Amino acid sequence: DFTGKTVIPFCTSTSSGLGESGKLLEEMAGTGNWLEGKRFSENVS
């Protein structure tokens, strides 16, 4: 239950962006204050 929590998605990929991944997880959770996420390259620094 993410009620009352700020939720921030992040991901890594070779080339794909964040896309709708964060939004889909937010819908799946149904609770929480979800912020815009961030995509990092596979060689994240």
All heavy atoms as atom14 arrays in JSON, in Angstrom:
{
  "sequence": "DFTGKTVIPFCTSTSSGLGESGKLLEEMAGTGNWLEGKRFSENVS",
  "atom14_mask": [
    [1, 1, 1, 1, 1, 1, 1, 1, 0, 0, 0, 0, 0, 0],
    [1, 1, 1, 1, 1, 1, 1, 1, 1, 1, 1, 0, 0, 0],
    [1, 1, 1, 1, 1, 1, 1, 0, 0, 0, 0, 0, 0, 0],
    [1, 1, 1, 1, 0, 0, 0, 0, 0, 0, 0, 0, 0, 0],
    [1, 1, 1, 1, 1, 1, 1, 1, 1, 0, 0, 0, 0, 0],
    [1, 1, 1, 1, 1, 1, 1, 0, 0, 0, 0, 0, 0, 0],
    [1, 1, 1, 1, 1, 1, 1, 0, 0, 0, 0, 0, 0, 0],
    [1, 1, 1, 1, 1, 1, 1, 1, 0, 0, 0, 0, 0, 0],
    [1, 1, 1, 1, 1, 1, 1, 0, 0, 0, 0, 0, 0, 0],
    [1, 1, 1, 1, 1, 1, 1, 1, 1, 1, 1, 0, 0, 0],
    [1, 1, 1, 1, 1, 1, 0, 0, 0, 0, 0, 0, 0, 0],
    [1, 1, 1, 1, 1, 1, 1, 0, 0, 0, 0, 0, 0, 0],
    [1, 1, 1, 1, 1, 1, 0, 0, 0, 0, 0, 0, 0, 0],
    [1, 1, 1, 1, 1, 1, 1, 0, 0, 0, 0, 0, 0, 0],
    [1, 1, 1, 1, 1, 1, 0, 0, 0, 0, 0, 0, 0, 0],
    [1, 1, 1, 1, 1, 1, 0, 0, 0, 0, 0, 0, 0, 0],
    [1, 1, 1, 1, 0, 0, 0, 0, 0, 0, 0, 0, 0, 0],
    [1, 1, 1, 1, 1, 1, 1, 1, 0, 0, 0, 0, 0, 0],
    [1, 1, 1, 1, 0, 0, 0, 0, 0, 0, 0, 0, 0, 0],
    [1, 1, 1, 1, 1, 1, 1, 1, 1, 0, 0, 0, 0, 0],
    [1, 1, 1, 1, 1, 1, 0, 0, 0, 0, 0, 0, 0, 0],
    [1, 1, 1, 1, 0, 0, 0, 0, 0, 0, 0, 0, 0, 0],
    [1, 1, 1, 1, 1, 1, 1, 1, 1, 0, 0, 0, 0, 0],
    [1, 1, 1, 1, 1, 1, 1, 1, 0, 0, 0, 0, 0, 0],
    [1, 1, 1, 1, 1, 1, 1, 1, 0, 0, 0, 0, 0, 0],
    [1, 1, 1, 1, 1, 1, 1, 1, 1, 0, 0, 0, 0, 0],
    [1, 1, 1, 1, 1, 1, 1, 1, 1, 0, 0, 0, 0, 0],
    [1, 1, 1, 1, 1, 1, 1, 1, 0, 0, 0, 0, 0, 0],
    [1, 1, 1, 1, 1, 0, 0, 0, 0, 0, 0, 0, 0, 0],
    [1, 1, 1, 1, 0, 0, 0, 0, 0, 0, 0, 0, 0, 0],
    [1, 1, 1, 1, 1, 1, 1, 0, 0, 0, 0, 0, 0, 0],
    [1, 1, 1, 1, 0, 0, 0, 0, 0, 0, 0, 0, 0, 0],
    [1, 1, 1, 1, 1, 1, 1, 1, 0, 0, 0, 0, 0, 0],
    [1, 1, 1, 1, 1, 1, 1, 1, 1, 1, 1, 1, 1, 1],
    [1, 1, 1, 1, 1, 1, 1, 1, 0, 0, 0, 0, 0, 0],
    [1, 1, 1, 1, 1, 1, 1, 1, 1, 0, 0, 0, 0, 0],
    [1, 1, 1, 1, 0, 0, 0, 0, 0, 0, 0, 0, 0, 0],
    [1, 1, 1, 1, 1, 1, 1, 1, 1, 0, 0, 0, 0, 0],
    [1, 1, 1, 1, 1, 1, 1, 1, 1, 1, 1, 0, 0, 0],
    [1, 1, 1, 1, 1, 1, 1, 1, 1, 1, 1, 0, 0, 0],
    [1, 1, 1, 1, 1, 1, 0, 0, 0, 0, 0, 0, 0, 0],
    [1, 1, 1, 1, 1, 1, 1, 1, 1, 0, 0, 0, 0, 0],
    [1, 1, 1, 1, 1, 1, 1, 1, 0, 0, 0, 0, 0, 0],
    [1, 1, 1, 1, 1, 1, 1, 0, 0, 0, 0, 0, 0, 0],
    [1, 1, 1, 1, 1, 1, 0, 0, 0, 0, 0, 0, 0, 0]
  ],
  "atom14_positions": [
    [[0.86, -1.19, 0.0], [0.0, 0.0, 0.0], [0.89, 1.24, 0.0], [1.66, 1.46, 0.93], [-0.9, -0.02, 1.24], [-1.86, 1.15, 1.28], [-1.88, 1.95, 0.31], [-2.61, 1.28, 2.27], [0.0, 0.0, 0.0], [0.0, 0.0, 0.0], [0.0, 0.0, 0.0], [0.0, 0.0, 0.0], [0.0, 0.0, 0.0], [0.0, 0.0, 0.0]],
    [[0.79, 2.05, -1.05], [1.63, 3.23, -1.2], [0.94, 4.51, -0.73], [1.43, 5.6, -0.99], [2.06, 3.38, -2.67], [2.96, 2.27, -3.14], [2.43, 1.09, -3.64], [4.34, 2.4, -3.07], [3.25, 0.06, -4.08], [5.17, 1.37, -3.51], [4.63, 0.21, -4.01], [0.0, 0.0, 0.0], [0.0, 0.0, 0.0], [0.0, 0.0, 0.0]],
    [[-0.15, 4.36, -0.02], [-0.88, 5.53, 0.47], [0.03, 6.42, 1.32], [0.72, 5.94, 2.21], [-2.09, 5.09, 1.33], [-2.96, 4.29, 0.53], [-2.84, 6.3, 1.86], [0.0, 0.0, 0.0], [0.0, 0.0, 0.0], [0.0, 0.0, 0.0], [0.0, 0.0, 0.0], [0.0, 0.0, 0.0], [0.0, 0.0, 0.0], [0.0, 0.0, 0.0]],
    [[0.04, 7.71, 0.99], [0.83, 8.67, 1.76], [2.3, 8.71, 1.38], [3.07, 9.47, 1.98], [0.0, 0.0, 0.0], [0.0, 0.0, 0.0], [0.0, 0.0, 0.0], [0.0, 0.0, 0.0], [0.0, 0.0, 0.0], [0.0, 0.0, 0.0], [0.0, 0.0, 0.0], [0.0, 0.0, 0.0], [0.0, 0.0, 0.0], [0.0, 0.0, 0.0]],
    [[2.7, 7.94, 0.39], [4.12, 7.89, 0.0], [4.33, 8.59, -1.34], [3.48, 8.53, -2.23], [4.61, 6.45, -0.1], [4.46, 5.66, 1.2], [5.06, 4.27, 1.07], [4.74, 3.43, 2.31], [5.25, 4.03, 3.55], [0.0, 0.0, 0.0], [0.0, 0.0, 0.0], [0.0, 0.0, 0.0], [0.0, 0.0, 0.0], [0.0, 0.0, 0.0]],
    [[5.49, 9.21, -1.47], [5.93, 9.71, -2.76], [6.71, 8.59, -3.44], [7.65, 8.06, -2.87], [6.84, 10.95, -2.59], [6.08, 12.0, -1.98], [7.37, 11.43, -3.94], [0.0, 0.0, 0.0], [0.0, 0.0, 0.0], [0.0, 0.0, 0.0], [0.0, 0.0, 0.0], [0.0, 0.0, 0.0], [0.0, 0.0, 0.0], [0.0, 0.0, 0.0]],
    [[6.29, 8.24, -4.65], [6.9, 7.12, -5.36], [7.58, 7.63, -6.63], [6.96, 8.36, -7.42], [5.86, 6.05, -5.72], [6.55, 4.8, -6.26], [4.99, 5.7, -4.52], [0.0, 0.0, 0.0], [0.0, 0.0, 0.0], [0.0, 0.0, 0.0], [0.0, 0.0, 0.0], [0.0, 0.0, 0.0], [0.0, 0.0, 0.0], [0.0, 0.0, 0.0]],
    [[8.83, 7.25, -6.81], [9.62, 7.74, -7.93], [10.21, 6.56, -8.69], [11.11, 5.89, -8.2], [10.75, 8.68, -7.46], [10.19, 9.75, -6.52], [11.46, 9.31, -8.66], [11.25, 10.58, -5.84], [0.0, 0.0, 0.0], [0.0, 0.0, 0.0], [0.0, 0.0, 0.0], [0.0, 0.0, 0.0], [0.0, 0.0, 0.0], [0.0, 0.0, 0.0]],
    [[9.73, 6.28, -9.9], [10.29, 5.18, -10.68], [11.6, 5.58, -11.36], [11.83, 6.75, -11.66], [9.2, 4.9, -11.72], [8.47, 6.19, -11.87], [8.57, 6.91, -10.55], [0.0, 0.0, 0.0], [0.0, 0.0, 0.0], [0.0, 0.0, 0.0], [0.0, 0.0, 0.0], [0.0, 0.0, 0.0], [0.0, 0.0, 0.0], [0.0, 0.0, 0.0]],
    [[12.46, 4.6, -11.56], [13.66, 4.81, -12.38], [13.97, 3.5, -13.09], [13.58, 2.42, -12.62], [14.85, 5.28, -11.53], [15.37, 4.26, -10.55], [16.47, 3.44, -10.85], [14.78, 4.11, -9.3], [16.95, 2.51, -9.94], [15.26, 3.18, -8.38], [16.34, 2.37, -8.71], [0.0, 0.0, 0.0], [0.0, 0.0, 0.0], [0.0, 0.0, 0.0]],
    [[14.64, 3.59, -14.21], [14.9, 2.38, -14.98], [16.25, 2.48, -15.67], [16.85, 3.55, -15.76], [13.8, 2.14, -16.01], [13.81, 3.32, -17.37], [0.0, 0.0, 0.0], [0.0, 0.0, 0.0], [0.0, 0.0, 0.0], [0.0, 0.0, 0.0], [0.0, 0.0, 0.0], [0.0, 0.0, 0.0], [0.0, 0.0, 0.0], [0.0, 0.0, 0.0]],
    [[16.72, 1.35, -16.16], [17.92, 1.3, -17.0], [17.55, 0.55, -18.27], [16.7, -0.34, -18.27], [19.08, 0.57, -16.29], [18.68, -0.76, -15.95], [19.5, 1.31, -15.03], [0.0, 0.0, 0.0], [0.0, 0.0, 0.0], [0.0, 0.0, 0.0], [0.0, 0.0, 0.0], [0.0, 0.0, 0.0], [0.0, 0.0, 0.0], [0.0, 0.0, 0.0]],
    [[18.2, 0.94, -19.35], [17.95, 0.26, -20.62], [19.09, 0.55, -21.58], [19.87, 1.48, -21.39], [16.63, 0.73, -21.24], [16.75, 2.07, -21.69], [0.0, 0.0, 0.0], [0.0, 0.0, 0.0], [0.0, 0.0, 0.0], [0.0, 0.0, 0.0], [0.0, 0.0, 0.0], [0.0, 0.0, 0.0], [0.0, 0.0, 0.0], [0.0, 0.0, 0.0]],
    [[19.15, -0.27, -22.63], [20.17, -0.04, -23.66], [19.8, 1.15, -24.51], [20.63, 2.01, -24.8], [20.31, -1.3, -24.56], [20.66, -2.41, -23.74], [21.39, -1.09, -25.61], [0.0, 0.0, 0.0], [0.0, 0.0, 0.0], [0.0, 0.0, 0.0], [0.0, 0.0, 0.0], [0.0, 0.0, 0.0], [0.0, 0.0, 0.0], [0.0, 0.0, 0.0]],
    [[18.54, 1.22, -24.91], [18.13, 2.34, -25.76], [16.71, 2.83, -25.47], [16.4, 3.98, -25.72], [18.22, 1.93, -27.24], [17.41, 0.79, -27.5], [0.0, 0.0, 0.0], [0.0, 0.0, 0.0], [0.0, 0.0, 0.0], [0.0, 0.0, 0.0], [0.0, 0.0, 0.0], [0.0, 0.0, 0.0], [0.0, 0.0, 0.0], [0.0, 0.0, 0.0]],
    [[15.86, 1.97, -24.95], [14.46, 2.36, -24.7], [14.36, 3.42, -23.62], [15.17, 3.45, -22.69], [13.64, 1.13, -24.29], [13.66, 0.15, -25.3], [0.0, 0.0, 0.0], [0.0, 0.0, 0.0], [0.0, 0.0, 0.0], [0.0, 0.0, 0.0], [0.0, 0.0, 0.0], [0.0, 0.0, 0.0], [0.0, 0.0, 0.0], [0.0, 0.0, 0.0]],
    [[13.34, 4.27, -23.74], [13.1, 5.28, -22.73], [12.21, 4.75, -21.61], [11.84, 3.57, -21.6], [0.0, 0.0, 0.0], [0.0, 0.0, 0.0], [0.0, 0.0, 0.0], [0.0, 0.0, 0.0], [0.0, 0.0, 0.0], [0.0, 0.0, 0.0], [0.0, 0.0, 0.0], [0.0, 0.0, 0.0], [0.0, 0.0, 0.0], [0.0, 0.0, 0.0]],
    [[11.87, 5.63, -20.7], [10.99, 5.25, -19.58], [9.61, 4.85, -20.09], [8.97, 3.96, -19.54], [10.89, 6.41, -18.6], [10.11, 6.16, -17.31], [10.88, 5.22, -16.39], [9.84, 7.49, -16.59], [0.0, 0.0, 0.0], [0.0, 0.0, 0.0], [0.0, 0.0, 0.0], [0.0, 0.0, 0.0], [0.0, 0.0, 0.0], [0.0, 0.0, 0.0]],
    [[9.18, 5.51, -21.16], [7.89, 5.2, -21.75], [6.74, 5.33, -20.76], [6.72, 6.21, -19.91], [0.0, 0.0, 0.0], [0.0, 0.0, 0.0], [0.0, 0.0, 0.0], [0.0, 0.0, 0.0], [0.0, 0.0, 0.0], [0.0, 0.0, 0.0], [0.0, 0.0, 0.0], [0.0, 0.0, 0.0], [0.0, 0.0, 0.0], [0.0, 0.0, 0.0]],
    [[5.8, 4.39, -20.85], [4.64, 4.39, -19.97], [4.85, 3.5, -18.75], [3.9, 3.23, -18.0], [3.42, 3.9, -20.75], [2.97, 4.84, -21.86], [2.45, 6.15, -21.3], [1.58, 6.1, -20.4], [2.91, 7.2, -21.75], [0.0, 0.0, 0.0], [0.0, 0.0, 0.0], [0.0, 0.0, 0.0], [0.0, 0.0, 0.0], [0.0, 0.0, 0.0]],
    [[6.1, 3.04, -18.54], [6.35, 2.06, -17.47], [5.94, 2.58, -16.1], [5.28, 1.88, -15.33], [7.81, 1.63, -17.47], [8.67, 2.73, -17.2], [0.0, 0.0, 0.0], [0.0, 0.0, 0.0], [0.0, 0.0, 0.0], [0.0, 0.0, 0.0], [0.0, 0.0, 0.0], [0.0, 0.0, 0.0], [0.0, 0.0, 0.0], [0.0, 0.0, 0.0]],
    [[6.32, 3.8, -15.8], [5.96, 4.37, -14.5], [4.47, 4.56, -14.34], [3.89, 4.27, -13.28], [0.0, 0.0, 0.0], [0.0, 0.0, 0.0], [0.0, 0.0, 0.0], [0.0, 0.0, 0.0], [0.0, 0.0, 0.0], [0.0, 0.0, 0.0], [0.0, 0.0, 0.0], [0.0, 0.0, 0.0], [0.0, 0.0, 0.0], [0.0, 0.0, 0.0]],
    [[3.82, 5.02, -15.42], [2.38, 5.24, -15.38], [1.64, 3.92, -15.19], [0.66, 3.84, -14.41], [1.93, 5.89, -16.7], [0.47, 6.31, -16.72], [0.21, 7.43, -15.74], [-1.23, 7.91, -15.84], [-1.53, 8.96, -14.82], [0.0, 0.0, 0.0], [0.0, 0.0, 0.0], [0.0, 0.0, 0.0], [0.0, 0.0, 0.0], [0.0, 0.0, 0.0]],
    [[2.09, 2.87, -15.85], [1.44, 1.57, -15.71], [1.59, 1.02, -14.28], [0.66, 0.41, -13.74], [2.02, 0.59, -16.72], [1.71, 0.9, -18.19], [2.48, -0.05, -19.11], [0.21, 0.8, -18.46], [0.0, 0.0, 0.0], [0.0, 0.0, 0.0], [0.0, 0.0, 0.0], [0.0, 0.0, 0.0], [0.0, 0.0, 0.0], [0.0, 0.0, 0.0]],
    [[2.75, 1.24, -13.69], [2.95, 0.79, -12.31], [2.06, 1.59, -11.35], [1.52, 1.04, -10.39], [4.41, 0.93, -11.9], [5.41, 0.0, -12.6], [6.83, 0.28, -12.11], [5.05, -1.47, -12.37], [0.0, 0.0, 0.0], [0.0, 0.0, 0.0], [0.0, 0.0, 0.0], [0.0, 0.0, 0.0], [0.0, 0.0, 0.0], [0.0, 0.0, 0.0]],
    [[1.92, 2.87, -11.62], [1.04, 3.7, -10.79], [-0.39, 3.18, -10.84], [-1.08, 3.09, -9.81], [1.09, 5.15, -11.27], [0.19, 6.08, -10.49], [0.23, 7.5, -10.99], [0.89, 7.76, -12.01], [-0.42, 8.36, -10.36], [0.0, 0.0, 0.0], [0.0, 0.0, 0.0], [0.0, 0.0, 0.0], [0.0, 0.0, 0.0], [0.0, 0.0, 0.0]],
    [[-0.86, 2.84, -12.04], [-2.21, 2.31, -12.18], [-2.34, 0.97, -11.46], [-3.37, 0.68, -10.85], [-2.54, 2.16, -13.66], [-2.67, 3.49, -14.39], [-2.86, 3.31, -15.89], [-2.86, 2.14, -16.36], [-3.01, 4.32, -16.6], [0.0, 0.0, 0.0], [0.0, 0.0, 0.0], [0.0, 0.0, 0.0], [0.0, 0.0, 0.0], [0.0, 0.0, 0.0]],
    [[-1.3, 0.17, -11.52], [-1.3, -1.13, -10.86], [-1.35, -0.96, -9.34], [-2.06, -1.69, -8.64], [-0.04, -1.9, -11.25], [0.0, -3.34, -10.78], [1.55, -4.15, -11.3], [1.39, -4.07, -13.09], [0.0, 0.0, 0.0], [0.0, 0.0, 0.0], [0.0, 0.0, 0.0], [0.0, 0.0, 0.0], [0.0, 0.0, 0.0], [0.0, 0.0, 0.0]],
    [[-0.61, 0.04, -8.83], [-0.57, 0.28, -7.39], [-1.9, 0.85, -6.88], [-2.42, 0.44, -5.85], [0.57, 1.23, -7.04], [0.0, 0.0, 0.0], [0.0, 0.0, 0.0], [0.0, 0.0, 0.0], [0.0, 0.0, 0.0], [0.0, 0.0, 0.0], [0.0, 0.0, 0.0], [0.0, 0.0, 0.0], [0.0, 0.0, 0.0], [0.0, 0.0, 0.0]],
    [[-2.43, 1.82, -7.62], [-3.69, 2.43, -7.24], [-3.6, 3.41, -6.08], [-4.58, 4.05, -5.71], [0.0, 0.0, 0.0], [0.0, 0.0, 0.0], [0.0, 0.0, 0.0], [0.0, 0.0, 0.0], [0.0, 0.0, 0.0], [0.0, 0.0, 0.0], [0.0, 0.0, 0.0], [0.0, 0.0, 0.0], [0.0, 0.0, 0.0], [0.0, 0.0, 0.0]],
    [[-2.43, 3.53, -5.46], [-2.23, 4.46, -4.35], [-0.85, 5.11, -4.48], [0.01, 4.63, -5.22], [-2.31, 3.74, -2.98], [-1.34, 2.67, -2.97], [-3.69, 3.17, -2.74], [0.0, 0.0, 0.0], [0.0, 0.0, 0.0], [0.0, 0.0, 0.0], [0.0, 0.0, 0.0], [0.0, 0.0, 0.0], [0.0, 0.0, 0.0], [0.0, 0.0, 0.0]],
    [[-0.64, 6.17, -3.72], [0.65, 6.85, -3.72], [0.68, 8.05, -4.64], [-0.11, 8.16, -5.58], [0.0, 0.0, 0.0], [0.0, 0.0, 0.0], [0.0, 0.0, 0.0], [0.0, 0.0, 0.0], [0.0, 0.0, 0.0], [0.0, 0.0, 0.0], [0.0, 0.0, 0.0], [0.0, 0.0, 0.0], [0.0, 0.0, 0.0], [0.0, 0.0, 0.0]],
    [[1.6, 8.94, -4.37], [1.83, 10.12, -5.2], [3.03, 9.84, -6.1], [4.18, 9.96, -5.67], [2.09, 11.35, -4.32], [2.44, 12.58, -5.12], [1.96, 12.75, -6.25], [3.29, 13.45, -4.57], [0.0, 0.0, 0.0], [0.0, 0.0, 0.0], [0.0, 0.0, 0.0], [0.0, 0.0, 0.0], [0.0, 0.0, 0.0], [0.0, 0.0, 0.0]],
    [[2.76, 9.45, -7.31], [3.81, 9.02, -8.23], [4.34, 10.21, -9.02], [3.57, 10.96, -9.63], [3.29, 7.95, -9.19], [3.04, 6.63, -8.51], [2.11, 6.35, -7.56], [3.76, 5.41, -8.73], [2.18, 5.04, -7.16], [3.19, 4.43, -7.88], [4.81, 5.04, -9.57], [3.64, 3.12, -7.83], [5.27, 3.73, -9.53], [4.7, 2.8, -8.67]],
    [[5.67, 10.35, -9.01], [6.31, 11.43, -9.75], [6.86, 10.92, -11.08], [6.95, 9.71, -11.32], [7.45, 12.03, -8.93], [7.11, 12.56, -7.53], [8.33, 13.24, -6.92], [5.93, 13.52, -7.58], [0.0, 0.0, 0.0], [0.0, 0.0, 0.0], [0.0, 0.0, 0.0], [0.0, 0.0, 0.0], [0.0, 0.0, 0.0], [0.0, 0.0, 0.0]],
    [[7.23, 11.86, -11.94], [7.87, 11.5, -13.2], [9.18, 10.79, -12.9], [9.94, 11.2, -12.03], [8.15, 12.75, -14.02], [8.77, 12.51, -15.37], [7.82, 11.83, -16.35], [6.59, 11.98, -16.18], [8.31, 11.15, -17.26], [0.0, 0.0, 0.0], [0.0, 0.0, 0.0], [0.0, 0.0, 0.0], [0.0, 0.0, 0.0], [0.0, 0.0, 0.0]],
    [[9.43, 9.7, -13.61], [10.63, 8.91, -13.34], [11.82, 9.32, -14.2], [11.81, 10.36, -14.85], [0.0, 0.0, 0.0], [0.0, 0.0, 0.0], [0.0, 0.0, 0.0], [0.0, 0.0, 0.0], [0.0, 0.0, 0.0], [0.0, 0.0, 0.0], [0.0, 0.0, 0.0], [0.0, 0.0, 0.0], [0.0, 0.0, 0.0], [0.0, 0.0, 0.0]],
    [[12.81, 8.47, -14.2], [14.05, 8.76, -14.92], [14.62, 7.48, -15.52], [14.67, 6.44, -14.86], [15.06, 9.38, -13.95], [16.43, 9.67, -14.54], [16.39, 10.82, -15.51], [17.81, 11.18, -15.99], [17.8, 12.27, -16.99], [0.0, 0.0, 0.0], [0.0, 0.0, 0.0], [0.0, 0.0, 0.0], [0.0, 0.0, 0.0], [0.0, 0.0, 0.0]],
    [[15.05, 7.59, -16.76], [15.71, 6.47, -17.42], [17.21, 6.74, -17.46], [17.66, 7.84, -17.75], [15.16, 6.3, -18.84], [15.88, 5.23, -19.67], [16.89, 5.84, -20.63], [17.66, 4.81, -21.34], [18.71, 5.08, -22.09], [19.16, 6.33, -22.22], [19.36, 4.1, -22.71], [0.0, 0.0, 0.0], [0.0, 0.0, 0.0], [0.0, 0.0, 0.0]],
    [[17.99, 5.7, -17.13], [19.45, 5.77, -17.21], [19.95, 4.74, -18.21], [19.31, 3.7, -18.42], [20.08, 5.5, -15.83], [19.72, 6.5, -14.78], [18.77, 6.21, -13.82], [20.34, 7.74, -14.74], [18.43, 7.13, -12.85], [20.01, 8.68, -13.77], [19.05, 8.36, -12.82], [0.0, 0.0, 0.0], [0.0, 0.0, 0.0], [0.0, 0.0, 0.0]],
    [[21.1, 5.02, -18.79], [21.68, 4.06, -19.72], [22.19, 2.86, -18.96], [22.34, 2.89, -17.72], [22.83, 4.71, -20.5], [23.93, 4.93, -19.64], [0.0, 0.0, 0.0], [0.0, 0.0, 0.0], [0.0, 0.0, 0.0], [0.0, 0.0, 0.0], [0.0, 0.0, 0.0], [0.0, 0.0, 0.0], [0.0, 0.0, 0.0], [0.0, 0.0, 0.0]],
    [[22.48, 1.78, -19.68], [22.97, 0.57, -19.03], [24.31, 0.81, -18.35], [24.66, 0.12, -17.38], [23.07, -0.56, -20.05], [23.99, -0.26, -21.22], [24.01, -1.39, -22.24], [23.45, -2.46, -21.93], [24.57, -1.21, -23.33], [0.0, 0.0, 0.0], [0.0, 0.0, 0.0], [0.0, 0.0, 0.0], [0.0, 0.0, 0.0], [0.0, 0.0, 0.0]],
    [[25.07, 1.78, -18.84], [26.35, 2.14, -18.21], [26.16, 3.37, -17.32], [26.88, 4.36, -17.43], [27.41, 2.41, -19.27], [27.71, 1.19, -20.12], [27.88, 0.09, -19.59], [27.78, 1.36, -21.44], [0.0, 0.0, 0.0], [0.0, 0.0, 0.0], [0.0, 0.0, 0.0], [0.0, 0.0, 0.0], [0.0, 0.0, 0.0], [0.0, 0.0, 0.0]],
    [[25.19, 3.29, -16.44], [24.81, 4.42, -15.61], [25.99, 4.9, -14.77], [26.76, 4.09, -14.23], [23.62, 4.04, -14.71], [23.93, 2.83, -13.86], [23.19, 5.2, -13.84], [0.0, 0.0, 0.0], [0.0, 0.0, 0.0], [0.0, 0.0, 0.0], [0.0, 0.0, 0.0], [0.0, 0.0, 0.0], [0.0, 0.0, 0.0], [0.0, 0.0, 0.0]],
    [[26.15, 6.22, -14.68], [27.24, 6.8, -13.89], [26.7, 7.39, -12.59], [25.54, 7.83, -12.53], [27.97, 7.88, -14.68], [27.18, 9.06, -14.76], [0.0, 0.0, 0.0], [0.0, 0.0, 0.0], [0.0, 0.0, 0.0], [0.0, 0.0, 0.0], [0.0, 0.0, 0.0], [0.0, 0.0, 0.0], [0.0, 0.0, 0.0], [0.0, 0.0, 0.0]]
  ]
}
